[in-house]
Amino acid sequence: MRLRNVTGSREVIAESCFVVQEPIAHRGKWGALFGNQNPIHIEIGMGKGRFLMELAALNPEINFIGIEKYSTVLLRAIQKMEVQELDNLRFIRMDAEEICAVFGCGEIAQIYLNFSDPWPKDRHAKRRLPSRQFLARYHEILAPDGRIAFKTDNADLFEFALAEIDAAGWKIEAMTKDLHHDEKMLAGNIMTEYEEKFSAMGNPIYKYIIYR
């Protein structure tokens, strides 16, 4: 369970040089913030930042942005960046529903969704990050050859996500229902904190990569 309240977390976030304080101001010109025109990859719901920090360290030719709405969780990522600063990684504290106000048309090369909140009640289906409502938002900000990579340990959420693909006009490039026993899709895999925990328990990890 994510902790949501740590005294002073919002103040730390507001003062951190690793957090973009007014992301809407950078819409359509994120390259200027990074000082280059490298491709931009984003992770929505980045948690404590392990996945994105490792990815950024391995790929200095790509700019990365981590999006997280919970202050307490984002605080953990900031603390990690203070130990290992990465010039090609920045964070945003925001709700994922606002991404089209923050990123311009075709500005993002890839989106990562890792172990997203399943929102199990049917009436909350549109809040799920792989829902058709969010796929429409991703369509706006992704480059024409952009990809979405989604990982989860939740079988029901994954089946829901698969059903949304056709309805939203997307196509599957690759898919597995047991990532850690799929040699091809496991190549180059970077684990999140949740992935390490769940896979150690023997839970299968589901993954897809989709495009338009």
N, C-alpha and C. Protein backbone atom coordinates (compact mmCIF):
# COMPACT_ATOMS: atom_id res chain seq x y z
N MET A 1 0.84 -1.20 0.00
CA MET A 1 0.00 0.00 0.00
C MET A 1 0.88 1.25 0.00
N ARG A 2 0.48 2.21 -0.80
CA ARG A 2 1.25 3.45 -0.87
C ARG A 2 0.94 4.35 0.32
N LEU A 3 1.98 4.89 0.91
CA LEU A 3 1.77 5.88 1.95
C LEU A 3 1.48 7.21 1.28
N ARG A 4 0.52 7.97 1.83
CA ARG A 4 0.12 9.20 1.16
C ARG A 4 0.41 10.45 1.97
N ASN A 5 0.84 10.28 3.20
CA ASN A 5 1.05 11.46 4.04
C ASN A 5 2.37 11.38 4.79
N VAL A 6 3.29 12.22 4.44
CA VAL A 6 4.54 12.37 5.17
C VAL A 6 4.72 13.87 5.39
N THR A 7 4.85 14.25 6.63
CA THR A 7 4.97 15.67 6.95
C THR A 7 6.13 16.31 6.20
N GLY A 8 5.85 17.38 5.51
CA GLY A 8 6.89 18.10 4.79
C GLY A 8 7.16 17.64 3.38
N SER A 9 6.49 16.56 2.92
CA SER A 9 6.78 16.04 1.59
C SER A 9 6.45 17.03 0.49
N ARG A 10 5.34 17.74 0.62
CA ARG A 10 4.97 18.71 -0.41
C ARG A 10 5.95 19.88 -0.46
N GLU A 11 6.48 20.26 0.68
CA GLU A 11 7.46 21.35 0.72
C GLU A 11 8.76 20.93 0.04
N VAL A 12 9.17 19.69 0.28
CA VAL A 12 10.39 19.18 -0.36
C VAL A 12 10.21 19.14 -1.87
N ILE A 13 9.06 18.67 -2.31
CA ILE A 13 8.76 18.59 -3.74
C ILE A 13 8.77 19.98 -4.38
N ALA A 14 8.19 20.95 -3.69
CA ALA A 14 8.11 22.31 -4.22
C ALA A 14 9.47 22.96 -4.36
N GLU A 15 10.43 22.50 -3.59
CA GLU A 15 11.77 23.11 -3.61
C GLU A 15 12.78 22.29 -4.42
N SER A 16 12.40 21.10 -4.86
CA SER A 16 13.36 20.22 -5.54
C SER A 16 13.63 20.66 -6.97
N CYS A 17 14.90 20.66 -7.32
CA CYS A 17 15.29 21.00 -8.69
C CYS A 17 15.02 19.84 -9.66
N PHE A 18 14.69 18.67 -9.12
CA PHE A 18 14.40 17.50 -9.96
C PHE A 18 12.93 17.43 -10.36
N VAL A 19 12.11 18.28 -9.76
CA VAL A 19 10.68 18.30 -10.04
C VAL A 19 10.33 19.53 -10.88
N VAL A 20 9.62 19.32 -11.97
CA VAL A 20 9.18 20.44 -12.81
C VAL A 20 7.94 21.03 -12.15
N GLN A 21 8.06 22.27 -11.69
CA GLN A 21 7.01 22.88 -10.87
C GLN A 21 5.82 23.38 -11.68
N GLU A 22 6.04 23.82 -12.90
CA GLU A 22 4.96 24.32 -13.75
C GLU A 22 5.02 23.61 -15.10
N PRO A 23 4.65 22.34 -15.11
CA PRO A 23 4.81 21.54 -16.34
C PRO A 23 4.03 22.05 -17.53
N ILE A 24 2.87 22.66 -17.29
CA ILE A 24 2.07 23.15 -18.42
C ILE A 24 2.84 24.18 -19.25
N ALA A 25 3.73 24.91 -18.60
CA ALA A 25 4.51 25.93 -19.30
C ALA A 25 5.49 25.33 -20.31
N HIS A 26 5.77 24.03 -20.17
CA HIS A 26 6.74 23.38 -21.06
C HIS A 26 6.08 22.60 -22.19
N ARG A 27 4.77 22.64 -22.26
CA ARG A 27 4.05 21.88 -23.29
C ARG A 27 4.56 22.24 -24.69
N GLY A 28 4.95 21.21 -25.43
CA GLY A 28 5.43 21.41 -26.79
C GLY A 28 6.89 21.84 -26.89
N LYS A 29 7.55 22.05 -25.76
CA LYS A 29 8.95 22.50 -25.78
C LYS A 29 9.76 21.88 -24.65
N TRP A 30 9.51 20.60 -24.39
CA TRP A 30 10.25 19.91 -23.34
C TRP A 30 11.73 19.76 -23.67
N GLY A 31 12.05 19.76 -24.96
CA GLY A 31 13.45 19.65 -25.35
C GLY A 31 14.27 20.80 -24.79
N ALA A 32 13.67 21.99 -24.70
CA ALA A 32 14.38 23.15 -24.17
C ALA A 32 14.73 22.96 -22.70
N LEU A 33 13.86 22.29 -21.96
CA LEU A 33 14.14 22.05 -20.55
C LEU A 33 15.36 21.15 -20.38
N PHE A 34 15.45 20.13 -21.25
CA PHE A 34 16.57 19.20 -21.17
C PHE A 34 17.81 19.72 -21.90
N GLY A 35 17.63 20.74 -22.72
CA GLY A 35 18.76 21.29 -23.45
C GLY A 35 19.16 20.49 -24.66
N ASN A 36 18.24 19.68 -25.20
CA ASN A 36 18.51 18.88 -26.39
C ASN A 36 17.17 18.48 -27.02
N GLN A 37 17.25 17.81 -28.14
CA GLN A 37 16.04 17.35 -28.83
C GLN A 37 15.96 15.83 -28.84
N ASN A 38 16.48 15.19 -27.81
CA ASN A 38 16.41 13.74 -27.70
C ASN A 38 14.97 13.27 -27.52
N PRO A 39 14.69 12.04 -27.89
CA PRO A 39 13.34 11.51 -27.67
C PRO A 39 12.97 11.57 -26.19
N ILE A 40 11.67 11.69 -25.93
CA ILE A 40 11.19 11.77 -24.55
C ILE A 40 10.33 10.55 -24.24
N HIS A 41 10.67 9.86 -23.16
CA HIS A 41 9.87 8.73 -22.67
C HIS A 41 9.29 9.13 -21.32
N ILE A 42 8.05 8.73 -21.07
CA ILE A 42 7.44 9.04 -19.78
C ILE A 42 6.93 7.76 -19.10
N GLU A 43 6.99 7.76 -17.78
CA GLU A 43 6.35 6.70 -17.01
C GLU A 43 5.23 7.34 -16.20
N ILE A 44 4.04 6.81 -16.34
CA ILE A 44 2.88 7.33 -15.63
C ILE A 44 2.62 6.45 -14.42
N GLY A 45 2.68 7.05 -13.24
CA GLY A 45 2.59 6.27 -12.01
C GLY A 45 3.94 5.65 -11.71
N MET A 46 4.97 6.48 -11.56
CA MET A 46 6.36 6.00 -11.47
C MET A 46 6.73 5.45 -10.10
N GLY A 47 5.87 5.64 -9.09
CA GLY A 47 6.19 5.12 -7.77
C GLY A 47 7.46 5.74 -7.21
N LYS A 48 8.31 4.90 -6.65
CA LYS A 48 9.53 5.38 -5.99
C LYS A 48 10.69 5.61 -6.96
N GLY A 49 10.46 5.36 -8.25
CA GLY A 49 11.43 5.76 -9.27
C GLY A 49 12.49 4.76 -9.66
N ARG A 50 12.48 3.58 -9.09
CA ARG A 50 13.55 2.62 -9.39
C ARG A 50 13.64 2.31 -10.88
N PHE A 51 12.52 1.95 -11.50
CA PHE A 51 12.50 1.58 -12.91
C PHE A 51 13.03 2.70 -13.79
N LEU A 52 12.51 3.90 -13.61
CA LEU A 52 12.86 5.00 -14.49
C LEU A 52 14.29 5.46 -14.28
N MET A 53 14.77 5.43 -13.06
CA MET A 53 16.14 5.84 -12.79
C MET A 53 17.14 4.89 -13.44
N GLU A 54 16.86 3.61 -13.36
CA GLU A 54 17.75 2.64 -14.00
C GLU A 54 17.70 2.78 -15.51
N LEU A 55 16.51 3.00 -16.05
CA LEU A 55 16.36 3.17 -17.49
C LEU A 55 17.09 4.41 -17.97
N ALA A 56 16.98 5.50 -17.22
CA ALA A 56 17.65 6.75 -17.60
C ALA A 56 19.17 6.62 -17.53
N ALA A 57 19.66 5.89 -16.55
CA ALA A 57 21.10 5.71 -16.42
C ALA A 57 21.67 4.89 -17.58
N LEU A 58 20.87 3.96 -18.07
CA LEU A 58 21.32 3.09 -19.17
C LEU A 58 21.15 3.73 -20.54
N ASN A 59 20.32 4.79 -20.62
CA ASN A 59 20.01 5.41 -21.91
C ASN A 59 20.16 6.93 -21.86
N PRO A 60 21.38 7.43 -21.78
CA PRO A 60 21.60 8.88 -21.68
C PRO A 60 21.16 9.65 -22.92
N GLU A 61 20.92 8.95 -24.03
CA GLU A 61 20.50 9.61 -25.27
C GLU A 61 18.99 9.81 -25.32
N ILE A 62 18.30 9.44 -24.25
CA ILE A 62 16.85 9.61 -24.16
C ILE A 62 16.53 10.45 -22.93
N ASN A 63 15.55 11.33 -23.05
CA ASN A 63 15.07 12.10 -21.90
C ASN A 63 13.88 11.38 -21.27
N PHE A 64 13.84 11.35 -19.95
CA PHE A 64 12.78 10.64 -19.24
C PHE A 64 12.06 11.57 -18.27
N ILE A 65 10.76 11.37 -18.18
CA ILE A 65 9.94 12.13 -17.24
C ILE A 65 9.07 11.15 -16.47
N GLY A 66 9.14 11.23 -15.15
CA GLY A 66 8.32 10.39 -14.30
C GLY A 66 7.16 11.17 -13.73
N ILE A 67 5.96 10.61 -13.86
CA ILE A 67 4.74 11.26 -13.37
C ILE A 67 4.20 10.48 -12.18
N GLU A 68 3.97 11.19 -11.09
CA GLU A 68 3.44 10.56 -9.88
C GLU A 68 2.55 11.55 -9.15
N LYS A 69 1.37 11.11 -8.72
CA LYS A 69 0.45 12.05 -8.07
C LYS A 69 0.56 12.04 -6.55
N TYR A 70 1.17 11.01 -5.97
CA TYR A 70 1.26 10.95 -4.51
C TYR A 70 2.57 11.56 -4.02
N SER A 71 2.47 12.58 -3.21
CA SER A 71 3.64 13.30 -2.72
C SER A 71 4.62 12.41 -1.97
N THR A 72 4.09 11.54 -1.11
CA THR A 72 4.96 10.69 -0.30
C THR A 72 5.80 9.77 -1.16
N VAL A 73 5.21 9.24 -2.21
CA VAL A 73 5.94 8.32 -3.09
C VAL A 73 6.96 9.09 -3.92
N LEU A 74 6.57 10.24 -4.44
CA LEU A 74 7.49 11.06 -5.21
C LEU A 74 8.68 11.50 -4.36
N LEU A 75 8.45 11.73 -3.10
CA LEU A 75 9.53 12.10 -2.18
C LEU A 75 10.64 11.05 -2.18
N ARG A 76 10.26 9.77 -2.24
CA ARG A 76 11.26 8.68 -2.26
C ARG A 76 12.12 8.76 -3.51
N ALA A 77 11.50 9.08 -4.63
CA ALA A 77 12.25 9.21 -5.88
C ALA A 77 13.22 10.38 -5.82
N ILE A 78 12.78 11.49 -5.24
CA ILE A 78 13.65 12.66 -5.09
C ILE A 78 14.86 12.31 -4.25
N GLN A 79 14.64 11.59 -3.18
CA GLN A 79 15.75 11.18 -2.31
C GLN A 79 16.76 10.33 -3.06
N LYS A 80 16.27 9.47 -3.95
CA LYS A 80 17.19 8.65 -4.76
C LYS A 80 17.97 9.51 -5.74
N MET A 81 17.32 10.50 -6.32
CA MET A 81 18.00 11.39 -7.27
C MET A 81 19.04 12.25 -6.57
N GLU A 82 18.85 12.55 -5.33
CA GLU A 82 19.84 13.32 -4.59
C GLU A 82 21.12 12.53 -4.38
N VAL A 83 20.99 11.22 -4.43
CA VAL A 83 22.16 10.34 -4.30
C VAL A 83 22.78 10.07 -5.67
N GLN A 84 21.92 9.88 -6.68
CA GLN A 84 22.38 9.59 -8.04
C GLN A 84 21.68 10.53 -9.02
N GLU A 85 22.23 11.71 -9.19
CA GLU A 85 21.59 12.69 -10.07
C GLU A 85 21.74 12.30 -11.53
N LEU A 86 20.65 12.42 -12.28
CA LEU A 86 20.63 12.08 -13.70
C LEU A 86 20.12 13.28 -14.48
N ASP A 87 20.94 13.79 -15.40
CA ASP A 87 20.57 14.99 -16.16
C ASP A 87 19.40 14.74 -17.11
N ASN A 88 19.18 13.49 -17.49
CA ASN A 88 18.13 13.18 -18.48
C ASN A 88 16.84 12.67 -17.83
N LEU A 89 16.64 12.99 -16.56
CA LEU A 89 15.43 12.56 -15.86
C LEU A 89 14.87 13.68 -14.99
N ARG A 90 13.57 13.90 -15.13
CA ARG A 90 12.87 14.86 -14.29
C ARG A 90 11.53 14.28 -13.86
N PHE A 91 10.97 14.84 -12.80
CA PHE A 91 9.72 14.34 -12.25
C PHE A 91 8.63 15.42 -12.33
N ILE A 92 7.39 14.95 -12.36
CA ILE A 92 6.23 15.84 -12.28
C ILE A 92 5.26 15.25 -11.28
N ARG A 93 4.78 16.10 -10.37
CA ARG A 93 3.70 15.67 -9.48
C ARG A 93 2.39 16.13 -10.09
N MET A 94 1.59 15.19 -10.57
CA MET A 94 0.33 15.54 -11.23
C MET A 94 -0.53 14.29 -11.38
N ASP A 95 -1.78 14.51 -11.71
CA ASP A 95 -2.69 13.42 -12.02
C ASP A 95 -2.56 13.10 -13.50
N ALA A 96 -2.59 11.82 -13.83
CA ALA A 96 -2.40 11.39 -15.21
C ALA A 96 -3.45 11.96 -16.16
N GLU A 97 -4.61 12.31 -15.65
CA GLU A 97 -5.66 12.85 -16.52
C GLU A 97 -5.25 14.17 -17.17
N GLU A 98 -4.21 14.81 -16.66
CA GLU A 98 -3.80 16.12 -17.15
C GLU A 98 -2.70 16.05 -18.23
N ILE A 99 -2.34 14.85 -18.67
CA ILE A 99 -1.17 14.74 -19.55
C ILE A 99 -1.30 15.51 -20.86
N CYS A 100 -2.50 15.64 -21.39
CA CYS A 100 -2.64 16.35 -22.67
C CYS A 100 -2.46 17.85 -22.51
N ALA A 101 -2.58 18.33 -21.29
CA ALA A 101 -2.32 19.75 -21.02
C ALA A 101 -0.84 20.02 -20.80
N VAL A 102 -0.08 18.96 -20.58
CA VAL A 102 1.33 19.08 -20.24
C VAL A 102 2.24 18.72 -21.41
N PHE A 103 1.78 17.81 -22.27
CA PHE A 103 2.59 17.38 -23.41
C PHE A 103 1.86 17.69 -24.71
N GLY A 104 2.64 18.13 -25.70
CA GLY A 104 2.06 18.49 -26.98
C GLY A 104 1.81 17.30 -27.88
N CYS A 105 1.14 17.55 -28.98
CA CYS A 105 0.81 16.51 -29.96
C CYS A 105 2.09 15.87 -30.50
N GLY A 106 2.21 14.56 -30.36
CA GLY A 106 3.36 13.82 -30.89
C GLY A 106 4.67 14.06 -30.17
N GLU A 107 4.63 14.63 -28.99
CA GLU A 107 5.86 15.02 -28.29
C GLU A 107 6.55 13.86 -27.58
N ILE A 108 5.81 12.79 -27.31
CA ILE A 108 6.35 11.68 -26.53
C ILE A 108 6.63 10.47 -27.41
N ALA A 109 7.78 9.85 -27.22
CA ALA A 109 8.17 8.70 -28.03
C ALA A 109 7.70 7.37 -27.44
N GLN A 110 7.62 7.30 -26.11
CA GLN A 110 7.20 6.05 -25.48
C GLN A 110 6.58 6.33 -24.12
N ILE A 111 5.60 5.49 -23.76
CA ILE A 111 4.94 5.58 -22.46
C ILE A 111 5.07 4.25 -21.74
N TYR A 112 5.42 4.30 -20.46
CA TYR A 112 5.50 3.11 -19.62
C TYR A 112 4.41 3.17 -18.56
N LEU A 113 3.69 2.08 -18.42
CA LEU A 113 2.68 1.92 -17.38
C LEU A 113 3.07 0.67 -16.58
N ASN A 114 3.49 0.86 -15.35
CA ASN A 114 3.98 -0.26 -14.56
C ASN A 114 3.17 -0.44 -13.28
N PHE A 115 2.50 -1.60 -13.18
CA PHE A 115 1.80 -1.97 -11.95
C PHE A 115 0.84 -0.87 -11.49
N SER A 116 0.03 -0.46 -12.44
CA SER A 116 -0.92 0.63 -12.20
C SER A 116 -2.03 0.19 -11.25
N ASP A 117 -2.64 1.17 -10.60
CA ASP A 117 -3.78 0.92 -9.73
C ASP A 117 -4.88 0.22 -10.54
N PRO A 118 -5.36 -0.95 -10.10
CA PRO A 118 -6.36 -1.69 -10.89
C PRO A 118 -7.77 -1.10 -10.84
N TRP A 119 -8.05 -0.21 -9.91
CA TRP A 119 -9.41 0.34 -9.77
C TRP A 119 -10.43 -0.77 -10.00
N PRO A 120 -10.57 -1.71 -9.09
CA PRO A 120 -11.34 -2.94 -9.33
C PRO A 120 -12.84 -2.76 -9.55
N LYS A 121 -13.44 -1.69 -9.03
CA LYS A 121 -14.88 -1.51 -9.22
C LYS A 121 -15.20 -1.07 -10.64
N ASP A 122 -16.23 -1.68 -11.22
CA ASP A 122 -16.59 -1.41 -12.62
C ASP A 122 -16.83 0.07 -12.88
N ARG A 123 -17.41 0.76 -11.94
CA ARG A 123 -17.73 2.17 -12.17
C ARG A 123 -16.48 3.06 -12.26
N HIS A 124 -15.33 2.49 -11.88
CA HIS A 124 -14.08 3.23 -11.96
C HIS A 124 -13.21 2.82 -13.16
N ALA A 125 -13.78 2.04 -14.06
CA ALA A 125 -13.00 1.49 -15.18
C ALA A 125 -12.27 2.57 -15.98
N LYS A 126 -12.91 3.73 -16.15
CA LYS A 126 -12.29 4.78 -16.97
C LYS A 126 -11.08 5.41 -16.29
N ARG A 127 -10.87 5.12 -15.00
CA ARG A 127 -9.70 5.63 -14.30
C ARG A 127 -8.47 4.74 -14.49
N ARG A 128 -8.70 3.54 -14.98
CA ARG A 128 -7.58 2.61 -15.18
C ARG A 128 -6.67 3.13 -16.30
N LEU A 129 -5.39 3.14 -16.07
CA LEU A 129 -4.45 3.73 -17.03
C LEU A 129 -4.43 3.05 -18.40
N PRO A 130 -4.74 1.74 -18.51
CA PRO A 130 -4.83 1.16 -19.86
C PRO A 130 -6.25 1.19 -20.44
N SER A 131 -7.14 1.99 -19.89
CA SER A 131 -8.50 2.08 -20.40
C SER A 131 -8.55 2.82 -21.74
N ARG A 132 -9.64 2.66 -22.46
CA ARG A 132 -9.79 3.33 -23.75
C ARG A 132 -9.78 4.86 -23.59
N GLN A 133 -10.26 5.33 -22.44
CA GLN A 133 -10.24 6.77 -22.19
C GLN A 133 -8.80 7.29 -22.10
N PHE A 134 -7.94 6.54 -21.42
CA PHE A 134 -6.54 6.96 -21.34
C PHE A 134 -5.81 6.69 -22.65
N LEU A 135 -6.17 5.62 -23.35
CA LEU A 135 -5.53 5.35 -24.64
C LEU A 135 -5.79 6.49 -25.61
N ALA A 136 -6.95 7.12 -25.50
CA ALA A 136 -7.24 8.29 -26.34
C ALA A 136 -6.31 9.45 -25.99
N ARG A 137 -6.03 9.62 -24.72
CA ARG A 137 -5.09 10.67 -24.30
C ARG A 137 -3.68 10.36 -24.80
N TYR A 138 -3.28 9.11 -24.68
CA TYR A 138 -1.94 8.72 -25.14
C TYR A 138 -1.81 8.96 -26.65
N HIS A 139 -2.89 8.70 -27.37
CA HIS A 139 -2.89 8.90 -28.82
C HIS A 139 -2.52 10.34 -29.17
N GLU A 140 -2.98 11.28 -28.37
CA GLU A 140 -2.71 12.70 -28.64
C GLU A 140 -1.24 13.06 -28.45
N ILE A 141 -0.60 12.50 -27.45
CA ILE A 141 0.76 12.95 -27.12
C ILE A 141 1.86 12.09 -27.71
N LEU A 142 1.52 10.88 -28.18
CA LEU A 142 2.54 9.99 -28.73
C LEU A 142 2.90 10.36 -30.16
N ALA A 143 4.18 10.19 -30.50
CA ALA A 143 4.63 10.33 -31.87
C ALA A 143 3.98 9.22 -32.72
N PRO A 144 3.91 9.40 -34.04
CA PRO A 144 3.25 8.41 -34.89
C PRO A 144 3.78 6.99 -34.71
N ASP A 145 5.07 6.86 -34.43
CA ASP A 145 5.65 5.52 -34.23
C ASP A 145 5.81 5.19 -32.75
N GLY A 146 5.10 5.90 -31.89
CA GLY A 146 5.22 5.71 -30.45
C GLY A 146 4.66 4.37 -29.97
N ARG A 147 5.10 3.96 -28.81
CA ARG A 147 4.69 2.70 -28.22
C ARG A 147 4.27 2.90 -26.76
N ILE A 148 3.40 2.00 -26.29
CA ILE A 148 3.04 1.93 -24.88
C ILE A 148 3.45 0.56 -24.37
N ALA A 149 4.20 0.52 -23.27
CA ALA A 149 4.60 -0.73 -22.63
C ALA A 149 3.90 -0.81 -21.28
N PHE A 150 3.12 -1.85 -21.07
CA PHE A 150 2.31 -2.00 -19.85
C PHE A 150 2.67 -3.31 -19.16
N LYS A 151 2.95 -3.23 -17.84
CA LYS A 151 3.25 -4.41 -17.04
C LYS A 151 2.37 -4.42 -15.80
N THR A 152 1.94 -5.61 -15.41
CA THR A 152 1.13 -5.75 -14.20
C THR A 152 1.20 -7.20 -13.71
N ASP A 153 0.86 -7.40 -12.44
CA ASP A 153 0.72 -8.75 -11.91
C ASP A 153 -0.76 -9.08 -11.75
N ASN A 154 -1.64 -8.15 -12.10
CA ASN A 154 -3.07 -8.30 -11.89
C ASN A 154 -3.73 -8.88 -13.15
N ALA A 155 -4.14 -10.15 -13.07
CA ALA A 155 -4.69 -10.83 -14.24
C ALA A 155 -5.97 -10.16 -14.74
N ASP A 156 -6.83 -9.74 -13.83
CA ASP A 156 -8.09 -9.10 -14.25
C ASP A 156 -7.83 -7.78 -14.96
N LEU A 157 -6.88 -7.00 -14.44
CA LEU A 157 -6.55 -5.73 -15.08
C LEU A 157 -5.96 -5.96 -16.45
N PHE A 158 -5.14 -7.01 -16.58
CA PHE A 158 -4.52 -7.27 -17.88
C PHE A 158 -5.57 -7.70 -18.91
N GLU A 159 -6.51 -8.54 -18.50
CA GLU A 159 -7.56 -8.95 -19.43
C GLU A 159 -8.41 -7.75 -19.84
N PHE A 160 -8.67 -6.87 -18.90
CA PHE A 160 -9.37 -5.63 -19.22
C PHE A 160 -8.58 -4.82 -20.24
N ALA A 161 -7.27 -4.69 -19.99
CA ALA A 161 -6.41 -3.89 -20.87
C ALA A 161 -6.38 -4.47 -22.28
N LEU A 162 -6.33 -5.79 -22.39
CA LEU A 162 -6.32 -6.43 -23.71
C LEU A 162 -7.62 -6.14 -24.46
N ALA A 163 -8.74 -6.18 -23.73
CA ALA A 163 -10.04 -5.94 -24.36
C ALA A 163 -10.19 -4.50 -24.84
N GLU A 164 -9.48 -3.57 -24.22
CA GLU A 164 -9.58 -2.16 -24.59
C GLU A 164 -8.79 -1.83 -25.86
N ILE A 165 -7.83 -2.66 -26.22
CA ILE A 165 -6.93 -2.34 -27.33
C ILE A 165 -7.68 -2.15 -28.64
N ASP A 166 -8.46 -3.15 -29.04
CA ASP A 166 -9.22 -3.06 -30.30
C ASP A 166 -10.24 -1.94 -30.24
N ALA A 167 -10.92 -1.83 -29.10
CA ALA A 167 -11.96 -0.81 -28.97
C ALA A 167 -11.40 0.59 -29.16
N ALA A 168 -10.14 0.77 -28.79
CA ALA A 168 -9.51 2.09 -28.90
C ALA A 168 -8.72 2.27 -30.19
N GLY A 169 -8.70 1.23 -31.03
CA GLY A 169 -8.02 1.34 -32.32
C GLY A 169 -6.51 1.14 -32.27
N TRP A 170 -6.03 0.40 -31.28
CA TRP A 170 -4.60 0.11 -31.16
C TRP A 170 -4.32 -1.33 -31.59
N LYS A 171 -3.03 -1.66 -31.72
CA LYS A 171 -2.62 -3.01 -32.13
C LYS A 171 -1.53 -3.53 -31.19
N ILE A 172 -1.47 -4.83 -31.06
CA ILE A 172 -0.47 -5.46 -30.20
C ILE A 172 0.80 -5.75 -31.00
N GLU A 173 1.91 -5.26 -30.50
CA GLU A 173 3.20 -5.58 -31.10
C GLU A 173 3.81 -6.82 -30.44
N ALA A 174 3.64 -6.91 -29.12
CA ALA A 174 4.15 -8.07 -28.38
C ALA A 174 3.32 -8.22 -27.11
N MET A 175 3.18 -9.48 -26.64
CA MET A 175 2.38 -9.72 -25.45
C MET A 175 2.79 -11.03 -24.80
N THR A 176 2.80 -11.04 -23.47
CA THR A 176 3.07 -12.27 -22.73
C THR A 176 2.29 -12.26 -21.43
N LYS A 177 1.92 -13.45 -20.98
CA LYS A 177 1.25 -13.59 -19.70
C LYS A 177 2.17 -14.21 -18.65
N ASP A 178 3.44 -14.28 -19.00
CA ASP A 178 4.44 -14.77 -18.04
C ASP A 178 5.81 -14.22 -18.44
N LEU A 179 5.99 -12.94 -18.20
CA LEU A 179 7.17 -12.22 -18.67
C LEU A 179 8.48 -12.88 -18.28
N HIS A 180 8.58 -13.33 -17.04
CA HIS A 180 9.85 -13.85 -16.55
C HIS A 180 10.19 -15.24 -17.06
N HIS A 181 9.28 -15.82 -17.86
CA HIS A 181 9.56 -17.08 -18.53
C HIS A 181 9.41 -16.92 -20.05
N ASP A 182 9.45 -15.70 -20.51
CA ASP A 182 9.38 -15.39 -21.93
C ASP A 182 10.73 -14.79 -22.32
N GLU A 183 11.58 -15.61 -22.87
CA GLU A 183 12.97 -15.19 -23.13
C GLU A 183 13.05 -13.96 -24.01
N LYS A 184 12.21 -13.89 -25.03
CA LYS A 184 12.29 -12.77 -25.97
C LYS A 184 11.87 -11.47 -25.31
N MET A 185 10.74 -11.45 -24.61
CA MET A 185 10.26 -10.21 -24.02
C MET A 185 11.00 -9.84 -22.74
N LEU A 186 11.65 -10.82 -22.12
CA LEU A 186 12.38 -10.54 -20.89
C LEU A 186 13.72 -9.85 -21.17
N ALA A 187 14.22 -9.98 -22.39
CA ALA A 187 15.51 -9.38 -22.73
C ALA A 187 15.49 -7.88 -22.47
N GLY A 188 16.42 -7.41 -21.65
CA GLY A 188 16.52 -5.99 -21.34
C GLY A 188 15.50 -5.50 -20.33
N ASN A 189 14.74 -6.41 -19.73
CA ASN A 189 13.72 -6.01 -18.77
C ASN A 189 14.32 -5.37 -17.53
N ILE A 190 13.71 -4.27 -17.09
CA ILE A 190 14.09 -3.61 -15.85
C ILE A 190 12.93 -3.75 -14.88
N MET A 191 13.21 -4.26 -13.70
CA MET A 191 12.14 -4.51 -12.75
C MET A 191 11.82 -3.28 -11.90
N THR A 192 10.56 -3.15 -11.57
CA THR A 192 10.14 -2.15 -10.60
C THR A 192 10.18 -2.79 -9.21
N GLU A 193 9.97 -1.98 -8.18
CA GLU A 193 9.91 -2.53 -6.83
C GLU A 193 8.81 -3.57 -6.70
N TYR A 194 7.65 -3.25 -7.25
CA TYR A 194 6.53 -4.18 -7.18
C TYR A 194 6.82 -5.46 -7.96
N GLU A 195 7.42 -5.33 -9.12
CA GLU A 195 7.72 -6.49 -9.94
C GLU A 195 8.66 -7.45 -9.22
N GLU A 196 9.67 -6.91 -8.59
CA GLU A 196 10.61 -7.75 -7.85
C GLU A 196 9.88 -8.50 -6.72
N LYS A 197 9.01 -7.79 -6.02
CA LYS A 197 8.27 -8.39 -4.92
C LYS A 197 7.33 -9.50 -5.41
N PHE A 198 6.54 -9.20 -6.42
CA PHE A 198 5.54 -10.15 -6.88
C PHE A 198 6.16 -11.35 -7.59
N SER A 199 7.20 -11.12 -8.38
CA SER A 199 7.84 -12.24 -9.07
C SER A 199 8.55 -13.16 -8.09
N ALA A 200 9.08 -12.60 -7.00
CA ALA A 200 9.71 -13.42 -5.97
C ALA A 200 8.69 -14.32 -5.28
N MET A 201 7.42 -13.89 -5.28
CA MET A 201 6.35 -14.68 -4.69
C MET A 201 5.84 -15.74 -5.65
N GLY A 202 6.37 -15.73 -6.87
CA GLY A 202 5.95 -16.70 -7.88
C GLY A 202 4.79 -16.24 -8.74
N ASN A 203 4.39 -14.99 -8.60
CA ASN A 203 3.28 -14.46 -9.40
C ASN A 203 3.74 -14.19 -10.83
N PRO A 204 2.98 -14.60 -11.83
CA PRO A 204 3.35 -14.26 -13.21
C PRO A 204 3.19 -12.77 -13.45
N ILE A 205 4.05 -12.24 -14.30
CA ILE A 205 3.98 -10.83 -14.68
C ILE A 205 3.48 -10.75 -16.11
N TYR A 206 2.47 -9.92 -16.31
CA TYR A 206 1.86 -9.76 -17.63
C TYR A 206 2.41 -8.49 -18.29
N LYS A 207 2.60 -8.56 -19.61
CA LYS A 207 3.11 -7.38 -20.30
C LYS A 207 2.61 -7.32 -21.73
N TYR A 208 2.34 -6.10 -22.19
CA TYR A 208 2.12 -5.92 -23.61
C TYR A 208 2.83 -4.67 -24.09
N ILE A 209 3.10 -4.62 -25.37
CA ILE A 209 3.58 -3.44 -26.07
C ILE A 209 2.60 -3.19 -27.21
N ILE A 210 2.03 -1.99 -27.27
CA ILE A 210 1.03 -1.71 -28.30
C ILE A 210 1.41 -0.45 -29.08
N TYR A 211 0.82 -0.34 -30.25
CA TYR A 211 1.03 0.81 -31.13
C TYR A 211 -0.27 1.07 -31.89
N ARG A 212 -0.28 2.18 -32.64
CA ARG A 212 -1.48 2.51 -33.43
C ARG A 212 -1.33 2.08 -34.86
